[in-house]
Amino acid sequence: MAKVTYITPSGNEVVVEDAIGNLMEIAREYDVEGIEGACSGCCSCATCHVRVKPEWLDKTGKATEAEQDLIDLESDTDERSRLSCQIEMSDELDGLVVEVAPF
């Protein structure tokens, strides 16, 4: 199973071993600060905005057009921005580190 580390807006690290599902679902299950997921993963709210560490960008892939449209509406984004509901954990992502964007 895969491991993911969330770095919260307050600087705390939340490490989840055996992560299954998308990053938003996992974050909500473990009460990760800053991940609301108001749309429950439908890619329609951007309340699960994270920044993927640069070394993981190739493995997580680029945002879809619909995802990018939502990201573009946010004020504090960059080329590492993704919606965590759109990143599905896999063995290839074992060790993934993401920063939770502040609201």
PDB file of N, CA and C in Angstrom:
ATOM      1  N   MET A   1       0.830  -1.191   0.000  1.00  0.00           N
ATOM      2  CA  MET A   1       0.000   0.000   0.000  1.00  0.00           C
ATOM      3  C   MET A   1       0.874   1.253   0.000  1.00  0.00           C
ATOM      4  N   ALA A   2       0.279   2.353  -0.369  1.00  0.00           N
ATOM      5  CA  ALA A   2       1.024   3.595  -0.536  1.00  0.00           C
ATOM      6  C   ALA A   2       0.937   4.488   0.701  1.00  0.00           C
ATOM      7  N   LYS A   3       1.961   5.304   0.880  1.00  0.00           N
ATOM      8  CA  LYS A   3       2.030   6.265   1.979  1.00  0.00           C
ATOM      9  C   LYS A   3       1.964   7.666   1.393  1.00  0.00           C
ATOM     10  N   VAL A   4       1.224   8.566   2.076  1.00  0.00           N
ATOM     11  CA  VAL A   4       1.153   9.962   1.662  1.00  0.00           C
ATOM     12  C   VAL A   4       1.374  10.843   2.885  1.00  0.00           C
ATOM     13  N   THR A   5       2.071  11.969   2.669  1.00  0.00           N
ATOM     14  CA  THR A   5       2.302  12.945   3.727  1.00  0.00           C
ATOM     15  C   THR A   5       1.670  14.265   3.323  1.00  0.00           C
ATOM     16  N   TYR A   6       0.835  14.798   4.216  1.00  0.00           N
ATOM     17  CA  TYR A   6       0.222  16.112   4.029  1.00  0.00           C
ATOM     18  C   TYR A   6       0.954  17.095   4.933  1.00  0.00           C
ATOM     19  N   ILE A   7       1.355  18.237   4.385  1.00  0.00           N
ATOM     20  CA  ILE A   7       1.912  19.318   5.191  1.00  0.00           C
ATOM     21  C   ILE A   7       0.811  20.356   5.300  1.00  0.00           C
ATOM     22  N   THR A   8       0.318  20.569   6.517  1.00  0.00           N
ATOM     23  CA  THR A   8      -0.839  21.435   6.730  1.00  0.00           C
ATOM     24  C   THR A   8      -0.442  22.909   6.685  1.00  0.00           C
ATOM     25  N   PRO A   9      -1.428  23.808   6.561  1.00  0.00           N
ATOM     26  CA  PRO A   9      -1.115  25.239   6.543  1.00  0.00           C
ATOM     27  C   PRO A   9      -0.371  25.714   7.795  1.00  0.00           C
ATOM     28  N   SER A  10      -0.571  25.036   8.927  1.00  0.00           N
ATOM     29  CA  SER A  10       0.134  25.428  10.151  1.00  0.00           C
ATOM     30  C   SER A  10       1.500  24.757  10.281  1.00  0.00           C
ATOM     31  N   GLY A  11       1.889  23.966   9.260  1.00  0.00           N
ATOM     32  CA  GLY A  11       3.216  23.368   9.237  1.00  0.00           C
ATOM     33  C   GLY A  11       3.312  21.973   9.821  1.00  0.00           C
ATOM     34  N   ASN A  12       2.209  21.420  10.292  1.00  0.00           N
ATOM     35  CA  ASN A  12       2.221  20.057  10.820  1.00  0.00           C
ATOM     36  C   ASN A  12       2.243  19.050   9.680  1.00  0.00           C
ATOM     37  N   GLU A  13       2.818  17.899   9.947  1.00  0.00           N
ATOM     38  CA  GLU A  13       2.822  16.810   8.970  1.00  0.00           C
ATOM     39  C   GLU A  13       1.854  15.730   9.426  1.00  0.00           C
ATOM     40  N   VAL A  14       1.021  15.288   8.505  1.00  0.00           N
ATOM     41  CA  VAL A  14       0.123  14.165   8.759  1.00  0.00           C
ATOM     42  C   VAL A  14       0.530  13.068   7.786  1.00  0.00           C
ATOM     43  N   VAL A  15       1.007  11.962   8.320  1.00  0.00           N
ATOM     44  CA  VAL A  15       1.464  10.844   7.498  1.00  0.00           C
ATOM     45  C   VAL A  15       0.409   9.744   7.559  1.00  0.00           C
ATOM     46  N   VAL A  16      -0.018   9.303   6.384  1.00  0.00           N
ATOM     47  CA  VAL A  16      -1.011   8.232   6.304  1.00  0.00           C
ATOM     48  C   VAL A  16      -0.367   7.035   5.604  1.00  0.00           C
ATOM     49  N   GLU A  17      -0.247   5.949   6.339  1.00  0.00           N
ATOM     50  CA  GLU A  17       0.241   4.688   5.779  1.00  0.00           C
ATOM     51  C   GLU A  17      -0.955   3.960   5.165  1.00  0.00           C
ATOM     52  N   ASP A  18      -0.732   3.103   4.221  1.00  0.00           N
ATOM     53  CA  ASP A  18      -1.803   2.315   3.605  1.00  0.00           C
ATOM     54  C   ASP A  18      -2.925   3.198   3.068  1.00  0.00           C
ATOM     55  N   ALA A  19      -2.557   4.280   2.388  1.00  0.00           N
ATOM     56  CA  ALA A  19      -3.531   5.229   1.846  1.00  0.00           C
ATOM     57  C   ALA A  19      -4.261   4.622   0.649  1.00  0.00           C
ATOM     58  N   ILE A  20      -5.587   4.608   0.733  1.00  0.00           N
ATOM     59  CA  ILE A  20      -6.423   4.081  -0.345  1.00  0.00           C
ATOM     60  C   ILE A  20      -7.480   5.117  -0.691  1.00  0.00           C
ATOM     61  N   GLY A  21      -7.669   5.374  -1.988  1.00  0.00           N
ATOM     62  CA  GLY A  21      -8.664   6.343  -2.435  1.00  0.00           C
ATOM     63  C   GLY A  21      -7.991   7.574  -2.996  1.00  0.00           C
ATOM     64  N   ASN A  22      -8.764   8.660  -3.122  1.00  0.00           N
ATOM     65  CA  ASN A  22      -8.152   9.897  -3.596  1.00  0.00           C
ATOM     66  C   ASN A  22      -7.669  10.704  -2.394  1.00  0.00           C
ATOM     67  N   LEU A  23      -6.796  11.667  -2.657  1.00  0.00           N
ATOM     68  CA  LEU A  23      -6.174  12.419  -1.566  1.00  0.00           C
ATOM     69  C   LEU A  23      -7.175  13.169  -0.706  1.00  0.00           C
ATOM     70  N   MET A  24      -8.268  13.656  -1.297  1.00  0.00           N
ATOM     71  CA  MET A  24      -9.282  14.366  -0.522  1.00  0.00           C
ATOM     72  C   MET A  24      -9.986  13.416   0.439  1.00  0.00           C
ATOM     73  N   GLU A  25     -10.382  12.236  -0.041  1.00  0.00           N
ATOM     74  CA  GLU A  25     -11.057  11.260   0.822  1.00  0.00           C
ATOM     75  C   GLU A  25     -10.165  10.856   1.992  1.00  0.00           C
ATOM     76  N   ILE A  26      -8.911  10.610   1.694  1.00  0.00           N
ATOM     77  CA  ILE A  26      -7.957  10.206   2.729  1.00  0.00           C
ATOM     78  C   ILE A  26      -7.800  11.328   3.748  1.00  0.00           C
ATOM     79  N   ALA A  27      -7.637  12.563   3.273  1.00  0.00           N
ATOM     80  CA  ALA A  27      -7.458  13.712   4.164  1.00  0.00           C
ATOM     81  C   ALA A  27      -8.666  13.901   5.074  1.00  0.00           C
ATOM     82  N   ARG A  28      -9.849  13.752   4.527  1.00  0.00           N
ATOM     83  CA  ARG A  28     -11.059  13.896   5.350  1.00  0.00           C
ATOM     84  C   ARG A  28     -11.141  12.791   6.395  1.00  0.00           C
ATOM     85  N   GLU A  29     -10.775  11.577   6.015  1.00  0.00           N
ATOM     86  CA  GLU A  29     -10.811  10.462   6.965  1.00  0.00           C
ATOM     87  C   GLU A  29      -9.866  10.694   8.138  1.00  0.00           C
ATOM     88  N   TYR A  30      -8.739  11.351   7.872  1.00  0.00           N
ATOM     89  CA  TYR A  30      -7.736  11.594   8.906  1.00  0.00           C
ATOM     90  C   TYR A  30      -7.768  13.027   9.443  1.00  0.00           C
ATOM     91  N   ASP A  31      -8.842  13.758   9.168  1.00  0.00           N
ATOM     92  CA  ASP A  31      -9.031  15.129   9.672  1.00  0.00           C
ATOM     93  C   ASP A  31      -7.835  16.033   9.395  1.00  0.00           C
ATOM     94  N   VAL A  32      -7.337  15.995   8.178  1.00  0.00           N
ATOM     95  CA  VAL A  32      -6.208  16.838   7.803  1.00  0.00           C
ATOM     96  C   VAL A  32      -6.684  18.288   7.718  1.00  0.00           C
ATOM     97  N   GLU A  33      -6.025  19.148   8.470  1.00  0.00           N
ATOM     98  CA  GLU A  33      -6.352  20.572   8.503  1.00  0.00           C
ATOM     99  C   GLU A  33      -6.292  21.175   7.099  1.00  0.00           C
ATOM    100  N   GLY A  34      -7.333  21.936   6.743  1.00  0.00           N
ATOM    101  CA  GLY A  34      -7.337  22.676   5.491  1.00  0.00           C
ATOM    102  C   GLY A  34      -7.987  21.975   4.316  1.00  0.00           C
ATOM    103  N   ILE A  35      -8.357  20.709   4.473  1.00  0.00           N
ATOM    104  CA  ILE A  35      -9.041  19.984   3.399  1.00  0.00           C
ATOM    105  C   ILE A  35     -10.508  19.871   3.776  1.00  0.00           C
ATOM    106  N   GLU A  36     -11.346  20.661   3.105  1.00  0.00           N
ATOM    107  CA  GLU A  36     -12.778  20.627   3.392  1.00  0.00           C
ATOM    108  C   GLU A  36     -13.498  19.615   2.504  1.00  0.00           C
ATOM    109  N   GLY A  37     -13.274  19.697   1.209  1.00  0.00           N
ATOM    110  CA  GLY A  37     -13.948  18.781   0.293  1.00  0.00           C
ATOM    111  C   GLY A  37     -15.444  18.988   0.270  1.00  0.00           C
ATOM    112  N   ALA A  38     -15.875  20.235   0.166  1.00  0.00           N
ATOM    113  CA  ALA A  38     -17.301  20.582   0.240  1.00  0.00           C
ATOM    114  C   ALA A  38     -18.154  19.871  -0.804  1.00  0.00           C
ATOM    115  N   CYS A  39     -17.597  19.577  -1.958  1.00  0.00           N
ATOM    116  CA  CYS A  39     -18.376  18.930  -3.027  1.00  0.00           C
ATOM    117  C   CYS A  39     -18.266  17.410  -2.973  1.00  0.00           C
ATOM    118  N   SER A  40     -17.598  16.893  -1.958  1.00  0.00           N
ATOM    119  CA  SER A  40     -17.403  15.449  -1.774  1.00  0.00           C
ATOM    120  C   SER A  40     -16.655  14.788  -2.924  1.00  0.00           C
ATOM    121  N   GLY A  41     -15.798  15.540  -3.577  1.00  0.00           N
ATOM    122  CA  GLY A  41     -14.948  14.959  -4.618  1.00  0.00           C
ATOM    123  C   GLY A  41     -15.485  15.035  -6.023  1.00  0.00           C
ATOM    124  N   CYS A  42     -16.452  15.915  -6.255  1.00  0.00           N
ATOM    125  CA  CYS A  42     -17.056  16.042  -7.595  1.00  0.00           C
ATOM    126  C   CYS A  42     -16.315  17.020  -8.502  1.00  0.00           C
ATOM    127  N   CYS A  43     -15.192  17.552  -8.036  1.00  0.00           N
ATOM    128  CA  CYS A  43     -14.413  18.527  -8.812  1.00  0.00           C
ATOM    129  C   CYS A  43     -15.261  19.740  -9.162  1.00  0.00           C
ATOM    130  N   SER A  44     -15.901  20.310  -8.110  1.00  0.00           N
ATOM    131  CA  SER A  44     -16.727  21.486  -8.367  1.00  0.00           C
ATOM    132  C   SER A  44     -16.589  22.576  -7.311  1.00  0.00           C
ATOM    133  N   CYS A  45     -15.586  22.470  -6.408  1.00  0.00           N
ATOM    134  CA  CYS A  45     -15.521  23.500  -5.361  1.00  0.00           C
ATOM    135  C   CYS A  45     -14.118  24.034  -5.061  1.00  0.00           C
ATOM    136  N   ALA A  46     -13.085  23.292  -5.261  1.00  0.00           N
ATOM    137  CA  ALA A  46     -11.692  23.691  -4.993  1.00  0.00           C
ATOM    138  C   ALA A  46     -11.367  23.854  -3.509  1.00  0.00           C
ATOM    139  N   THR A  47     -12.176  23.270  -2.608  1.00  0.00           N
ATOM    140  CA  THR A  47     -11.866  23.350  -1.175  1.00  0.00           C
ATOM    141  C   THR A  47     -10.932  22.225  -0.724  1.00  0.00           C
ATOM    142  N   CYS A  48     -10.292  21.582  -1.683  1.00  0.00           N
ATOM    143  CA  CYS A  48      -9.313  20.530  -1.369  1.00  0.00           C
ATOM    144  C   CYS A  48      -7.991  20.810  -2.094  1.00  0.00           C
ATOM    145  N   HIS A  49      -7.706  22.086  -2.297  1.00  0.00           N
ATOM    146  CA  HIS A  49      -6.519  22.538  -3.026  1.00  0.00           C
ATOM    147  C   HIS A  49      -5.238  22.131  -2.289  1.00  0.00           C
ATOM    148  N   VAL A  50      -4.344  21.489  -3.016  1.00  0.00           N
ATOM    149  CA  VAL A  50      -3.023  21.144  -2.495  1.00  0.00           C
ATOM    150  C   VAL A  50      -1.965  21.552  -3.515  1.00  0.00           C
ATOM    151  N   ARG A  51      -0.729  21.596  -3.032  1.00  0.00           N
ATOM    152  CA  ARG A  51       0.411  21.808  -3.922  1.00  0.00           C
ATOM    153  C   ARG A  51       1.274  20.558  -3.859  1.00  0.00           C
ATOM    154  N   VAL A  52       1.498  19.981  -5.012  1.00  0.00           N
ATOM    155  CA  VAL A  52       2.301  18.764  -5.115  1.00  0.00           C
ATOM    156  C   VAL A  52       3.773  19.153  -5.084  1.00  0.00           C
ATOM    157  N   LYS A  53       4.551  18.454  -4.274  1.00  0.00           N
ATOM    158  CA  LYS A  53       5.992  18.715  -4.242  1.00  0.00           C
ATOM    159  C   LYS A  53       6.563  18.501  -5.644  1.00  0.00           C
ATOM    160  N   PRO A  54       7.492  19.358  -6.087  1.00  0.00           N
ATOM    161  CA  PRO A  54       7.997  19.315  -7.466  1.00  0.00           C
ATOM    162  C   PRO A  54       8.453  17.939  -7.941  1.00  0.00           C
ATOM    163  N   GLU A  55       9.082  17.184  -7.068  1.00  0.00           N
ATOM    164  CA  GLU A  55       9.601  15.877  -7.480  1.00  0.00           C
ATOM    165  C   GLU A  55       8.498  14.853  -7.775  1.00  0.00           C
ATOM    166  N   TRP A  56       7.249  15.180  -7.463  1.00  0.00           N
ATOM    167  CA  TRP A  56       6.123  14.276  -7.703  1.00  0.00           C
ATOM    168  C   TRP A  56       5.244  14.708  -8.870  1.00  0.00           C
ATOM    169  N   LEU A  57       5.511  15.839  -9.460  1.00  0.00           N
ATOM    170  CA  LEU A  57       4.629  16.367 -10.513  1.00  0.00           C
ATOM    171  C   LEU A  57       4.469  15.424 -11.698  1.00  0.00           C
ATOM    172  N   ASP A  58       5.538  14.799 -12.132  1.00  0.00           N
ATOM    173  CA  ASP A  58       5.434  13.888 -13.277  1.00  0.00           C
ATOM    174  C   ASP A  58       4.551  12.683 -12.964  1.00  0.00           C
ATOM    175  N   LYS A  59       4.613  12.214 -11.732  1.00  0.00           N
ATOM    176  CA  LYS A  59       3.845  11.020 -11.366  1.00  0.00           C
ATOM    177  C   LYS A  59       2.369  11.323 -11.115  1.00  0.00           C
ATOM    178  N   THR A  60       2.065  12.498 -10.577  1.00  0.00           N
ATOM    179  CA  THR A  60       0.656  12.825 -10.316  1.00  0.00           C
ATOM    180  C   THR A  60      -0.054  13.289 -11.574  1.00  0.00           C
ATOM    181  N   GLY A  61       0.703  13.749 -12.550  1.00  0.00           N
ATOM    182  CA  GLY A  61       0.103  14.204 -13.798  1.00  0.00           C
ATOM    183  C   GLY A  61      -0.426  15.625 -13.713  1.00  0.00           C
ATOM    184  N   LYS A  62      -0.901  16.101 -14.836  1.00  0.00           N
ATOM    185  CA  LYS A  62      -1.425  17.467 -14.920  1.00  0.00           C
ATOM    186  C   LYS A  62      -2.915  17.479 -14.611  1.00  0.00           C
ATOM    187  N   ALA A  63      -3.383  18.643 -14.222  1.00  0.00           N
ATOM    188  CA  ALA A  63      -4.811  18.835 -13.953  1.00  0.00           C
ATOM    189  C   ALA A  63      -5.608  18.704 -15.247  1.00  0.00           C
ATOM    190  N   THR A  64      -6.807  18.157 -15.122  1.00  0.00           N
ATOM    191  CA  THR A  64      -7.714  18.131 -16.270  1.00  0.00           C
ATOM    192  C   THR A  64      -8.179  19.556 -16.546  1.00  0.00           C
ATOM    193  N   GLU A  65      -8.824  19.777 -17.668  1.00  0.00           N
ATOM    194  CA  GLU A  65      -9.319  21.116 -17.996  1.00  0.00           C
ATOM    195  C   GLU A  65     -10.320  21.603 -16.947  1.00  0.00           C
ATOM    196  N   ALA A  66     -11.239  20.743 -16.533  1.00  0.00           N
ATOM    197  CA  ALA A  66     -12.240  21.126 -15.527  1.00  0.00           C
ATOM    198  C   ALA A  66     -11.570  21.464 -14.195  1.00  0.00           C
ATOM    199  N   GLU A  67     -10.596  20.664 -13.812  1.00  0.00           N
ATOM    200  CA  GLU A  67      -9.858  20.916 -12.576  1.00  0.00           C
ATOM    201  C   GLU A  67      -9.094  22.232 -12.673  1.00  0.00           C
ATOM    202  N   GLN A  68      -8.422  22.467 -13.792  1.00  0.00           N
ATOM    203  CA  GLN A  68      -7.653  23.696 -13.965  1.00  0.00           C
ATOM    204  C   GLN A  68      -8.549  24.928 -13.933  1.00  0.00           C
ATOM    205  N   ASP A  69      -9.749  24.823 -14.482  1.00  0.00           N
ATOM    206  CA  ASP A  69     -10.695  25.947 -14.435  1.00  0.00           C
ATOM    207  C   ASP A  69     -10.994  26.347 -12.992  1.00  0.00           C
ATOM    208  N   LEU A  70     -11.172  25.377 -12.114  1.00  0.00           N
ATOM    209  CA  LEU A  70     -11.424  25.675 -10.702  1.00  0.00           C
ATOM    210  C   LEU A  70     -10.181  26.238 -10.025  1.00  0.00           C
ATOM    211  N   ILE A  71      -9.038  25.668 -10.320  1.00  0.00           N
ATOM    212  CA  ILE A  71      -7.787  26.163  -9.741  1.00  0.00           C
ATOM    213  C   ILE A  71      -7.566  27.615 -10.141  1.00  0.00           C
ATOM    214  N   ASP A  72      -7.871  27.944 -11.385  1.00  0.00           N
ATOM    215  CA  ASP A  72      -7.679  29.311 -11.873  1.00  0.00           C
ATOM    216  C   ASP A  72      -8.538  30.331 -11.139  1.00  0.00           C
ATOM    217  N   LEU A  73      -9.616  29.888 -10.503  1.00  0.00           N
ATOM    218  CA  LEU A  73     -10.480  30.791  -9.739  1.00  0.00           C
ATOM    219  C   LEU A  73      -9.914  31.108  -8.360  1.00  0.00           C
ATOM    220  N   GLU A  74      -8.960  30.323  -7.905  1.00  0.00           N
ATOM    221  CA  GLU A  74      -8.343  30.527  -6.597  1.00  0.00           C
ATOM    222  C   GLU A  74      -7.273  31.613  -6.692  1.00  0.00           C
ATOM    223  N   SER A  75      -7.012  32.281  -5.573  1.00  0.00           N
ATOM    224  CA  SER A  75      -6.065  33.400  -5.597  1.00  0.00           C
ATOM    225  C   SER A  75      -4.620  32.983  -5.336  1.00  0.00           C
ATOM    226  N   ASP A  76      -4.403  31.906  -4.632  1.00  0.00           N
ATOM    227  CA  ASP A  76      -3.050  31.533  -4.221  1.00  0.00           C
ATOM    228  C   ASP A  76      -2.661  30.193  -4.849  1.00  0.00           C
ATOM    229  N   THR A  77      -2.424  30.203  -6.156  1.00  0.00           N
ATOM    230  CA  THR A  77      -2.095  28.969  -6.864  1.00  0.00           C
ATOM    231  C   THR A  77      -0.772  29.115  -7.603  1.00  0.00           C
ATOM    232  N   ASP A  78      -0.227  27.990  -8.001  1.00  0.00           N
ATOM    233  CA  ASP A  78       0.962  27.991  -8.843  1.00  0.00           C
ATOM    234  C   ASP A  78       0.948  26.728  -9.699  1.00  0.00           C
ATOM    235  N   GLU A  79       2.037  26.470 -10.394  1.00  0.00           N
ATOM    236  CA  GLU A  79       2.084  25.335 -11.319  1.00  0.00           C
ATOM    237  C   GLU A  79       2.007  23.980 -10.606  1.00  0.00           C
ATOM    238  N   ARG A  80       2.171  23.974  -9.290  1.00  0.00           N
ATOM    239  CA  ARG A  80       2.086  22.733  -8.517  1.00  0.00           C
ATOM    240  C   ARG A  80       0.680  22.474  -7.980  1.00  0.00           C
ATOM    241  N   SER A  81      -0.240  23.403  -8.210  1.00  0.00           N
ATOM    242  CA  SER A  81      -1.587  23.306  -7.650  1.00  0.00           C
ATOM    243  C   SER A  81      -2.407  22.202  -8.295  1.00  0.00           C
ATOM    244  N   ARG A  82      -3.072  21.429  -7.444  1.00  0.00           N
ATOM    245  CA  ARG A  82      -4.001  20.381  -7.872  1.00  0.00           C
ATOM    246  C   ARG A  82      -5.149  20.332  -6.877  1.00  0.00           C
ATOM    247  N   LEU A  83      -6.242  19.730  -7.277  1.00  0.00           N
ATOM    248  CA  LEU A  83      -7.325  19.444  -6.346  1.00  0.00           C
ATOM    249  C   LEU A  83      -7.109  18.016  -5.860  1.00  0.00           C
ATOM    250  N   SER A  84      -7.072  17.852  -4.552  1.00  0.00           N
ATOM    251  CA  SER A  84      -6.730  16.532  -4.012  1.00  0.00           C
ATOM    252  C   SER A  84      -7.763  15.467  -4.352  1.00  0.00           C
ATOM    253  N   CYS A  85      -8.987  15.871  -4.663  1.00  0.00           N
ATOM    254  CA  CYS A  85     -10.008  14.889  -5.053  1.00  0.00           C
ATOM    255  C   CYS A  85      -9.716  14.274  -6.414  1.00  0.00           C
ATOM    256  N   GLN A  86      -8.804  14.859  -7.150  1.00  0.00           N
ATOM    257  CA  GLN A  86      -8.496  14.379  -8.495  1.00  0.00           C
ATOM    258  C   GLN A  86      -7.202  13.566  -8.567  1.00  0.00           C
ATOM    259  N   ILE A  87      -6.586  13.329  -7.421  1.00  0.00           N
ATOM    260  CA  ILE A  87      -5.366  12.519  -7.379  1.00  0.00           C
ATOM    261  C   ILE A  87      -5.674  11.219  -6.647  1.00  0.00           C
ATOM    262  N   GLU A  88      -5.666  10.143  -7.383  1.00  0.00           N
ATOM    263  CA  GLU A  88      -5.955   8.814  -6.842  1.00  0.00           C
ATOM    264  C   GLU A  88      -4.645   8.161  -6.402  1.00  0.00           C
ATOM    265  N   MET A  89      -4.600   7.717  -5.149  1.00  0.00           N
ATOM    266  CA  MET A  89      -3.396   7.059  -4.654  1.00  0.00           C
ATOM    267  C   MET A  89      -3.174   5.738  -5.380  1.00  0.00           C
ATOM    268  N   SER A  90      -1.904   5.421  -5.570  1.00  0.00           N
ATOM    269  CA  SER A  90      -1.508   4.169  -6.211  1.00  0.00           C
ATOM    270  C   SER A  90      -0.130   3.802  -5.682  1.00  0.00           C
ATOM    271  N   ASP A  91       0.304   2.593  -5.980  1.00  0.00           N
ATOM    272  CA  ASP A  91       1.642   2.176  -5.551  1.00  0.00           C
ATOM    273  C   ASP A  91       2.712   3.088  -6.140  1.00  0.00           C
ATOM    274  N   GLU A  92       2.461   3.618  -7.338  1.00  0.00           N
ATOM    275  CA  GLU A  92       3.411   4.530  -7.984  1.00  0.00           C
ATOM    276  C   GLU A  92       3.585   5.822  -7.181  1.00  0.00           C
ATOM    277  N   LEU A  93       2.573   6.191  -6.395  1.00  0.00           N
ATOM    278  CA  LEU A  93       2.635   7.425  -5.609  1.00  0.00           C
ATOM    279  C   LEU A  93       3.072   7.186  -4.167  1.00  0.00           C
ATOM    280  N   ASP A  94       3.577   5.997  -3.863  1.00  0.00           N
ATOM    281  CA  ASP A  94       4.044   5.695  -2.515  1.00  0.00           C
ATOM    282  C   ASP A  94       5.118   6.690  -2.103  1.00  0.00           C
ATOM    283  N   GLY A  95       4.884   7.402  -0.994  1.00  0.00           N
ATOM    284  CA  GLY A  95       5.819   8.411  -0.504  1.00  0.00           C
ATOM    285  C   GLY A  95       5.456   9.828  -0.903  1.00  0.00           C
ATOM    286  N   LEU A  96       4.349  10.000  -1.607  1.00  0.00           N
ATOM    287  CA  LEU A  96       3.905  11.318  -2.079  1.00  0.00           C
ATOM    288  C   LEU A  96       3.823  12.323  -0.934  1.00  0.00           C
ATOM    289  N   VAL A  97       4.257  13.562  -1.208  1.00  0.00           N
ATOM    290  CA  VAL A  97       4.162  14.655  -0.245  1.00  0.00           C
ATOM    291  C   VAL A  97       3.426  15.807  -0.912  1.00  0.00           C
ATOM    292  N   VAL A  98       2.375  16.300  -0.227  1.00  0.00           N
ATOM    293  CA  VAL A  98       1.631  17.454  -0.727  1.00  0.00           C
ATOM    294  C   VAL A  98       1.503  18.491   0.378  1.00  0.00           C
ATOM    295  N   GLU A  99       1.456  19.757  -0.031  1.00  0.00           N
ATOM    296  CA  GLU A  99       1.226  20.859   0.898  1.00  0.00           C
ATOM    297  C   GLU A  99      -0.227  21.283   0.757  1.00  0.00           C
ATOM    298  N   VAL A 100      -0.938  21.353   1.880  1.00  0.00           N
ATOM    299  CA  VAL A 100      -2.325  21.801   1.859  1.00  0.00           C
ATOM    300  C   VAL A 100      -2.322  23.321   1.753  1.00  0.00           C
ATOM    301  N   ALA A 101      -3.030  23.842   0.751  1.00  0.00           N
ATOM    302  CA  ALA A 101      -3.078  25.291   0.542  1.00  0.00           C
ATOM    303  C   ALA A 101      -3.948  25.943   1.618  1.00  0.00           C
ATOM    304  N   PRO A 102      -3.521  27.095   2.127  1.00  0.00           N
ATOM    305  CA  PRO A 102      -4.348  27.792   3.123  1.00  0.00           C
ATOM    306  C   PRO A 102      -5.599  28.381   2.480  1.00  0.00           C
ATOM    307  N   PHE A 103      -6.662  28.487   3.265  1.00  0.00           N
ATOM    308  CA  PHE A 103      -7.896  29.101   2.770  1.00  0.00           C
ATOM    309  C   PHE A 103      -7.731  30.592   2.695  1.00  0.00           C
TER     310      PHE A 103
END
